[in-house]
Amino acid sequence: MPTIGVVDTTFARFNMGKAAIDEIQQNMSAKIIRRTVPGVKDLPVAAKKLIEEEGCEIVMALGMPGSKEQDKICAHEASTGIIQAQLMTNTHIIEVFVHEDEARDENELVFLMDQRSREHALNVVKMLSRPEKMIKEAGTGQRQGFEDVGPARM
């Protein structure tokens, strides 16, 4: 049984970790270890610790950067840290960010946070147990949270 790490933040305005865990549990048997940190800049070290100290085979890092320019800079720094943690551990850390200004209103924001968390959780399931499904989806314009855009046409 694989061990999956899920790390989310208190800054997010929706319980993204709960949605991701629910989706994973509906689709595969796995040991899930969850951690919650204050904000997105805390995600890289929490994910790295889940890999190195808890033996997670893959980690989901979920967060909601705010809409201000400072928040966008913090999100970029967090993303860079997540990439560095992946390279340091040779382990996938699936970054699941929903920027507060991606949605037109609060209802759409909640929808997007739930959908993106769940759809990336399904990506984790596929990566661990059905990698051939990921290969079949290559180049198909998949989008997590919003409608898929489909492949480009010539």
Protein backbone atom coordinates (compact mmCIF):
# COMPACT_ATOMS: atom_id res chain seq x y z
CA MET A 1 0.00 0.00 0.00
CA PRO A 2 1.49 3.35 -1.01
CA THR A 3 2.04 6.17 1.45
CA ILE A 4 0.80 9.55 0.27
CA GLY A 5 1.57 12.84 1.97
CA VAL A 6 -0.91 15.69 1.96
CA VAL A 7 0.14 19.10 3.23
CA ASP A 8 -2.19 22.10 3.19
CA THR A 9 -2.39 25.54 4.76
CA THR A 10 -4.46 27.48 7.27
CA PHE A 11 -4.30 30.52 4.95
CA ALA A 12 -6.53 28.81 2.36
CA ARG A 13 -10.20 29.68 2.56
CA PHE A 14 -11.29 26.08 1.89
CA ASN A 15 -10.18 22.74 3.34
CA MET A 16 -8.25 21.59 0.28
CA GLY A 17 -6.52 18.76 2.15
CA LYS A 18 -9.82 17.22 3.17
CA ALA A 19 -11.09 17.27 -0.42
CA ALA A 20 -7.88 15.69 -1.74
CA ILE A 21 -7.88 12.96 0.90
CA ASP A 22 -11.56 12.20 0.26
CA GLU A 23 -10.87 11.78 -3.47
CA ILE A 24 -7.83 9.56 -2.91
CA GLN A 25 -9.75 7.34 -0.49
CA GLN A 26 -12.59 6.96 -2.99
CA ASN A 27 -10.18 5.74 -5.66
CA MET A 28 -7.44 3.67 -4.02
CA SER A 29 -6.21 2.14 -0.79
CA ALA A 30 -3.32 4.16 0.59
CA LYS A 31 -1.83 5.27 3.86
CA ILE A 32 -2.29 9.03 3.99
CA ILE A 33 -0.24 11.27 6.24
CA ARG A 34 -1.53 14.83 6.54
CA ARG A 35 0.18 17.94 7.81
CA THR A 36 -1.11 21.52 7.91
CA VAL A 37 1.13 24.58 7.88
CA PRO A 38 0.37 28.32 8.04
CA GLY A 39 0.99 29.37 4.43
CA VAL A 40 2.36 28.41 1.01
CA LYS A 41 5.98 29.26 1.85
CA ASP A 42 5.83 26.58 4.57
CA LEU A 43 4.77 23.85 2.11
CA PRO A 44 8.22 22.88 0.70
CA VAL A 45 9.82 21.87 3.99
CA ALA A 46 6.65 20.12 5.19
CA ALA A 47 6.53 18.12 1.95
CA LYS A 48 10.24 17.28 2.20
CA LYS A 49 9.79 16.10 5.79
CA LEU A 50 6.86 13.88 4.73
CA ILE A 51 9.12 12.24 2.16
CA GLU A 52 12.27 11.92 4.25
CA GLU A 53 10.83 11.31 7.72
CA GLU A 54 7.52 9.60 6.96
CA GLY A 55 8.43 7.65 3.82
CA CYS A 56 5.80 9.17 1.52
CA GLU A 57 6.07 8.03 -2.10
CA ILE A 58 4.36 11.17 -3.39
CA VAL A 59 3.10 14.36 -1.73
CA MET A 60 0.37 16.84 -2.56
CA ALA A 61 1.13 20.45 -1.55
CA LEU A 62 -2.10 22.45 -1.49
CA GLY A 63 -2.43 26.17 -0.95
CA MET A 64 -4.26 29.36 -1.81
CA PRO A 65 -2.11 32.38 -2.54
CA GLY A 66 -3.95 35.66 -2.10
CA SER A 67 -4.63 38.20 -4.82
CA LYS A 68 -2.08 40.91 -3.94
CA GLU A 69 1.26 41.29 -5.72
CA GLN A 70 3.05 40.27 -2.51
CA ASP A 71 1.00 37.04 -2.47
CA LYS A 72 1.99 36.27 -6.06
CA ILE A 73 5.66 36.71 -5.16
CA CYS A 74 5.23 34.41 -2.15
CA ALA A 75 3.52 31.82 -4.39
CA HIS A 76 6.43 31.96 -6.83
CA GLU A 77 8.93 31.49 -4.00
CA ALA A 78 6.89 28.58 -2.61
CA SER A 79 6.71 26.98 -6.04
CA THR A 80 10.48 27.31 -6.43
CA GLY A 81 10.92 25.67 -3.02
CA ILE A 82 8.60 22.82 -3.97
CA ILE A 83 10.61 22.19 -7.14
CA GLN A 84 13.83 22.23 -5.13
CA ALA A 85 12.36 19.75 -2.60
CA GLN A 86 11.39 17.45 -5.47
CA LEU A 87 14.90 17.51 -6.86
CA MET A 88 16.47 17.00 -3.42
CA THR A 89 14.28 13.96 -2.68
CA ASN A 90 13.78 12.59 -6.21
CA THR A 91 10.07 12.44 -5.38
CA HIS A 92 7.04 14.05 -6.98
CA ILE A 93 5.38 16.83 -5.01
CA ILE A 94 2.19 17.78 -6.79
CA GLU A 95 1.68 21.51 -6.35
CA VAL A 96 -1.99 22.44 -6.10
CA PHE A 97 -2.36 26.20 -5.88
CA VAL A 98 -5.54 28.16 -6.39
CA HIS A 99 -4.91 31.87 -6.63
CA GLU A 100 -7.63 33.89 -4.95
CA ASP A 101 -8.10 36.06 -8.05
CA GLU A 102 -8.67 33.10 -10.39
CA ALA A 103 -12.36 33.14 -9.47
CA ARG A 104 -15.02 35.74 -10.23
CA ASP A 105 -16.72 35.34 -6.84
CA GLU A 106 -16.62 33.33 -3.64
CA ASN A 107 -18.84 30.52 -4.98
CA GLU A 108 -16.54 30.00 -7.94
CA LEU A 109 -13.51 30.14 -5.62
CA VAL A 110 -14.92 27.34 -3.43
CA PHE A 111 -15.80 25.30 -6.53
CA LEU A 112 -12.32 25.78 -7.96
CA MET A 113 -10.52 24.89 -4.73
CA ASP A 114 -12.58 21.71 -4.35
CA GLN A 115 -12.30 20.66 -8.01
CA ARG A 116 -8.59 21.36 -8.39
CA SER A 117 -7.82 19.50 -5.16
CA ARG A 118 -9.87 16.51 -6.27
CA GLU A 119 -8.60 16.43 -9.85
CA HIS A 120 -4.98 16.59 -8.73
CA ALA A 121 -5.73 13.85 -6.20
CA LEU A 122 -6.89 11.73 -9.14
CA ASN A 123 -3.59 12.55 -10.87
CA VAL A 124 -1.78 11.20 -7.81
CA VAL A 125 -3.86 8.02 -7.96
CA LYS A 126 -3.02 7.61 -11.66
CA MET A 127 0.67 8.30 -11.11
CA LEU A 128 0.86 5.64 -8.41
CA SER A 129 -1.46 2.93 -9.66
CA ARG A 130 -2.37 3.61 -13.29
CA PRO A 131 0.51 5.43 -15.02
CA GLU A 132 -0.73 4.22 -18.41
CA LYS A 133 -3.78 6.51 -17.96
CA MET A 134 -1.47 9.52 -17.61
CA ILE A 135 0.26 8.52 -20.85
CA LYS A 136 -3.10 8.31 -22.66
CA GLU A 137 -3.92 11.86 -21.46
CA ALA A 138 -0.67 13.35 -22.80
CA GLY A 139 -1.34 16.34 -25.04
CA THR A 140 -5.08 16.42 -24.35
CA GLY A 141 -5.24 19.87 -22.74
CA GLN A 142 -6.30 18.73 -19.29
CA ARG A 143 -7.04 21.50 -16.78
CA GLN A 144 -7.58 20.92 -13.08
CA GLY A 145 -10.47 22.90 -11.70
CA PHE A 146 -11.83 24.45 -14.86
CA GLU A 147 -13.03 22.82 -18.07
CA ASP A 148 -10.38 21.03 -20.11
CA VAL A 149 -9.30 22.97 -23.21
CA GLY A 150 -8.58 19.93 -25.38
CA PRO A 151 -5.70 19.34 -27.75
CA ALA A 152 -4.55 21.96 -30.23
CA ARG A 153 -5.80 21.41 -33.78
CA MET A 154 -3.82 21.90 -36.96
